N, C-alpha and C. Protein backbone atom coordinates (compact mmCIF):
# COMPACT_ATOMS: atom_id res chain seq x y z
N MET A 1 0.52 -0.77 0.01
CA MET A 1 0.10 -0.03 0.45
C MET A 1 0.82 1.75 0.12
N THR A 2 0.81 2.12 -0.78
CA THR A 2 1.39 3.74 -0.60
C THR A 2 0.40 4.46 -0.56
N VAL A 3 0.77 5.78 0.42
CA VAL A 3 -0.03 6.46 0.87
C VAL A 3 0.58 8.09 0.19
N ASN A 4 -0.07 8.48 -0.57
CA ASN A 4 0.33 9.50 -1.12
C ASN A 4 -0.75 10.84 -1.19
N VAL A 5 -0.49 12.22 -1.30
CA VAL A 5 -1.51 13.49 -1.67
C VAL A 5 -1.59 14.47 -2.90
N VAL A 6 -2.85 14.61 -3.35
CA VAL A 6 -2.82 15.32 -4.66
C VAL A 6 -3.16 16.86 -3.54
N ALA A 7 -2.14 17.78 -4.14
CA ALA A 7 -2.27 19.13 -3.32
C ALA A 7 -2.91 19.72 -4.17
N PRO A 8 -3.84 20.16 -4.82
CA PRO A 8 -4.55 21.10 -6.01
C PRO A 8 -4.40 22.89 -5.82
N GLY A 9 -3.92 23.38 -7.00
CA GLY A 9 -4.09 24.84 -6.63
C GLY A 9 -5.60 24.89 -7.16
N PRO A 10 -5.67 26.39 -7.35
CA PRO A 10 -6.94 26.91 -7.91
C PRO A 10 -7.74 26.63 -9.62
N VAL A 11 -9.08 25.88 -8.61
CA VAL A 11 -9.39 24.99 -10.12
C VAL A 11 -10.75 25.48 -10.30
N ARG A 12 -11.07 25.01 -11.68
CA ARG A 12 -12.49 25.84 -11.95
C ARG A 12 -13.52 25.13 -11.46
N THR A 13 -14.06 24.77 -10.09
CA THR A 13 -15.56 24.28 -9.43
C THR A 13 -16.24 25.59 -8.98
N ASP A 14 -17.44 24.90 -9.09
CA ASP A 14 -18.13 25.77 -8.00
C ASP A 14 -18.00 26.34 -6.75
N MET A 15 -17.31 25.28 -6.21
CA MET A 15 -16.66 25.66 -4.65
C MET A 15 -15.44 26.63 -4.83
N PHE A 16 -15.07 26.81 -5.49
CA PHE A 16 -13.55 27.85 -5.85
C PHE A 16 -14.47 28.86 -6.01
N LEU A 17 -15.18 28.91 -7.45
CA LEU A 17 -15.55 30.09 -7.78
C LEU A 17 -16.59 31.04 -6.52
N GLY A 18 -17.29 29.93 -5.84
CA GLY A 18 -18.43 30.42 -5.34
C GLY A 18 -17.93 32.01 -4.63
N GLY A 19 -18.39 32.94 -4.42
CA GLY A 19 -18.69 34.06 -3.67
C GLY A 19 -17.17 34.91 -4.11
N LYS A 20 -16.32 34.28 -5.40
CA LYS A 20 -15.57 35.53 -5.42
C LYS A 20 -15.61 36.11 -7.02
N SER A 21 -15.24 37.46 -6.96
CA SER A 21 -16.09 38.15 -8.08
C SER A 21 -14.80 37.94 -9.24
N ASP A 22 -15.41 38.36 -10.47
CA ASP A 22 -14.61 38.35 -11.82
C ASP A 22 -13.37 38.80 -11.55
N GLU A 23 -13.26 39.79 -10.70
CA GLU A 23 -11.90 40.73 -10.96
C GLU A 23 -10.58 39.96 -9.64
N GLN A 24 -11.51 39.11 -9.01
CA GLN A 24 -10.60 38.28 -8.02
C GLN A 24 -10.19 37.23 -8.88
N VAL A 25 -11.06 36.50 -9.55
CA VAL A 25 -10.68 35.16 -10.00
C VAL A 25 -9.35 35.34 -11.39
N ARG A 26 -9.62 36.33 -11.78
CA ARG A 26 -8.44 36.98 -12.70
C ARG A 26 -7.54 37.71 -12.09
N ALA A 27 -7.38 38.24 -11.11
CA ALA A 27 -6.21 37.95 -10.16
C ALA A 27 -5.17 36.83 -10.07
N ILE A 28 -6.19 35.61 -9.76
CA ILE A 28 -5.97 34.68 -9.23
C ILE A 28 -5.43 33.76 -10.72
N MET A 29 -5.72 33.97 -11.70
CA MET A 29 -5.37 33.04 -13.02
C MET A 29 -4.20 34.01 -13.19
N ALA A 30 -3.98 35.29 -13.13
CA ALA A 30 -2.96 36.54 -13.80
C ALA A 30 -1.62 35.63 -12.76
N ALA A 31 -1.63 35.09 -11.38
CA ALA A 31 -0.77 34.70 -10.53
C ALA A 31 -0.12 33.21 -10.94
N ASN A 32 -0.70 32.73 -11.83
CA ASN A 32 -0.58 31.28 -12.33
C ASN A 32 0.22 31.31 -13.65
N PRO A 33 1.12 30.70 -13.77
CA PRO A 33 1.98 30.51 -14.58
C PRO A 33 1.63 30.35 -16.45
N PHE A 34 0.70 29.50 -16.26
CA PHE A 34 -0.38 29.14 -17.62
C PHE A 34 -1.47 30.36 -17.37
N GLY A 35 -1.36 31.22 -16.37
CA GLY A 35 -2.47 32.27 -16.75
C GLY A 35 -3.96 31.84 -16.60
N ARG A 36 -4.37 30.28 -15.98
CA ARG A 36 -5.63 30.15 -16.20
C ARG A 36 -5.73 29.39 -14.91
N LEU A 37 -7.10 29.09 -14.33
CA LEU A 37 -7.48 27.81 -13.45
C LEU A 37 -7.25 26.21 -14.28
N GLY A 38 -7.29 25.69 -12.92
CA GLY A 38 -6.65 24.43 -13.34
C GLY A 38 -8.24 23.89 -13.60
N GLU A 39 -8.54 22.63 -13.99
CA GLU A 39 -9.86 21.89 -14.90
C GLU A 39 -9.80 20.65 -13.43
N PRO A 40 -10.94 19.96 -13.30
CA PRO A 40 -10.90 19.27 -12.57
C PRO A 40 -10.62 17.63 -13.15
N ASP A 41 -10.86 17.71 -14.45
CA ASP A 41 -10.30 16.30 -15.03
C ASP A 41 -8.48 16.32 -14.75
N GLU A 42 -7.97 17.50 -14.88
CA GLU A 42 -6.37 17.34 -14.81
C GLU A 42 -6.13 17.23 -13.07
N ILE A 43 -6.91 17.60 -12.21
CA ILE A 43 -6.94 16.77 -10.71
C ILE A 43 -7.08 15.37 -10.83
N ALA A 44 -8.12 15.11 -11.37
CA ALA A 44 -8.26 13.77 -11.47
C ALA A 44 -7.35 12.88 -12.46
N ARG A 45 -6.78 13.31 -13.28
CA ARG A 45 -5.65 12.61 -13.92
C ARG A 45 -4.59 12.40 -13.32
N ALA A 46 -4.42 13.45 -12.08
CA ALA A 46 -3.05 13.19 -11.12
C ALA A 46 -3.26 12.26 -10.37
N VAL A 47 -4.67 12.05 -9.82
CA VAL A 47 -4.85 11.02 -8.78
C VAL A 47 -4.99 9.68 -9.40
N ALA A 48 -5.41 9.62 -10.61
CA ALA A 48 -5.29 8.36 -11.24
C ALA A 48 -4.39 8.32 -11.59
N PHE A 49 -3.25 8.77 -11.77
CA PHE A 49 -1.72 8.55 -11.71
C PHE A 49 -1.22 7.85 -10.62
N LEU A 50 -1.17 8.36 -9.59
CA LEU A 50 -0.78 8.04 -7.86
C LEU A 50 -1.97 6.30 -7.83
N VAL A 51 -2.72 6.68 -8.49
CA VAL A 51 -3.12 5.35 -7.66
C VAL A 51 -3.27 4.11 -9.03
N GLY A 52 -2.95 4.34 -9.86
CA GLY A 52 -2.67 3.39 -11.35
C GLY A 52 -1.71 2.67 -11.13
N PRO A 53 -1.07 2.00 -11.85
CA PRO A 53 0.01 1.03 -12.16
C PRO A 53 1.33 1.78 -11.86
N ASP A 54 1.16 3.21 -12.85
CA ASP A 54 2.57 3.53 -12.98
C ASP A 54 2.80 4.58 -11.73
N GLY A 55 2.00 4.73 -11.26
CA GLY A 55 2.62 5.67 -9.37
C GLY A 55 2.56 4.26 -8.40
N GLY A 56 2.76 2.76 -8.61
CA GLY A 56 3.22 2.09 -7.58
C GLY A 56 4.47 2.27 -7.35
N TRP A 57 5.13 2.94 -7.45
CA TRP A 57 6.74 3.10 -6.50
C TRP A 57 6.36 3.92 -6.37
N ILE A 58 5.65 4.88 -6.09
CA ILE A 58 5.31 6.65 -5.67
C ILE A 58 4.88 6.44 -4.21
N ASN A 59 5.73 6.73 -2.97
CA ASN A 59 5.11 6.60 -1.58
C ASN A 59 5.31 7.64 -1.01
N GLY A 60 4.47 8.22 -0.04
CA GLY A 60 4.84 9.64 1.00
C GLY A 60 4.91 10.59 0.19
N GLN A 61 4.46 10.83 -0.77
CA GLN A 61 4.37 12.45 -1.90
C GLN A 61 3.32 13.42 -1.81
N VAL A 62 3.48 14.18 -1.76
CA VAL A 62 2.52 15.42 -1.95
C VAL A 62 3.02 15.84 -3.45
N LEU A 63 1.77 15.77 -4.65
CA LEU A 63 1.87 16.14 -5.86
C LEU A 63 1.07 17.02 -6.03
N ARG A 64 1.90 18.02 -6.08
CA ARG A 64 1.07 19.49 -6.26
C ARG A 64 0.55 19.86 -7.51
N ALA A 65 -0.23 19.87 -7.52
CA ALA A 65 -0.85 20.12 -9.22
C ALA A 65 -1.67 21.23 -9.50
N ASN A 66 -0.93 22.37 -9.42
CA ASN A 66 -1.17 23.56 -9.57
C ASN A 66 -0.55 24.41 -10.52
N GLY A 67 -0.48 24.08 -11.75
CA GLY A 67 -0.14 24.43 -12.72
C GLY A 67 1.06 25.48 -12.66
N GLY A 68 2.48 24.94 -11.52
CA GLY A 68 3.17 25.75 -11.21
C GLY A 68 3.27 27.00 -10.44
N VAL A 69 2.17 27.34 -9.59
CA VAL A 69 2.14 28.09 -8.77
C VAL A 69 3.54 28.09 -7.41
N VAL A 70 3.87 28.40 -7.24
CA VAL A 70 5.02 28.32 -6.04
C VAL A 70 4.53 29.49 -4.39
């Protein structure tokens, strides 16, 4: 058994966007090297990698799926 975690950055979901103005969302997008929000399927693919056979030798890691935000 392996234990890992995915730490997503800002992702275009109702929960993330809720209560934020368009101006706030644009500022968050501008802070990302890709200039956009992540998409839910991008996070899902990161999780699928870790739980699939290709992630079998990865253990105890935090995978930051955040588009390069530091």
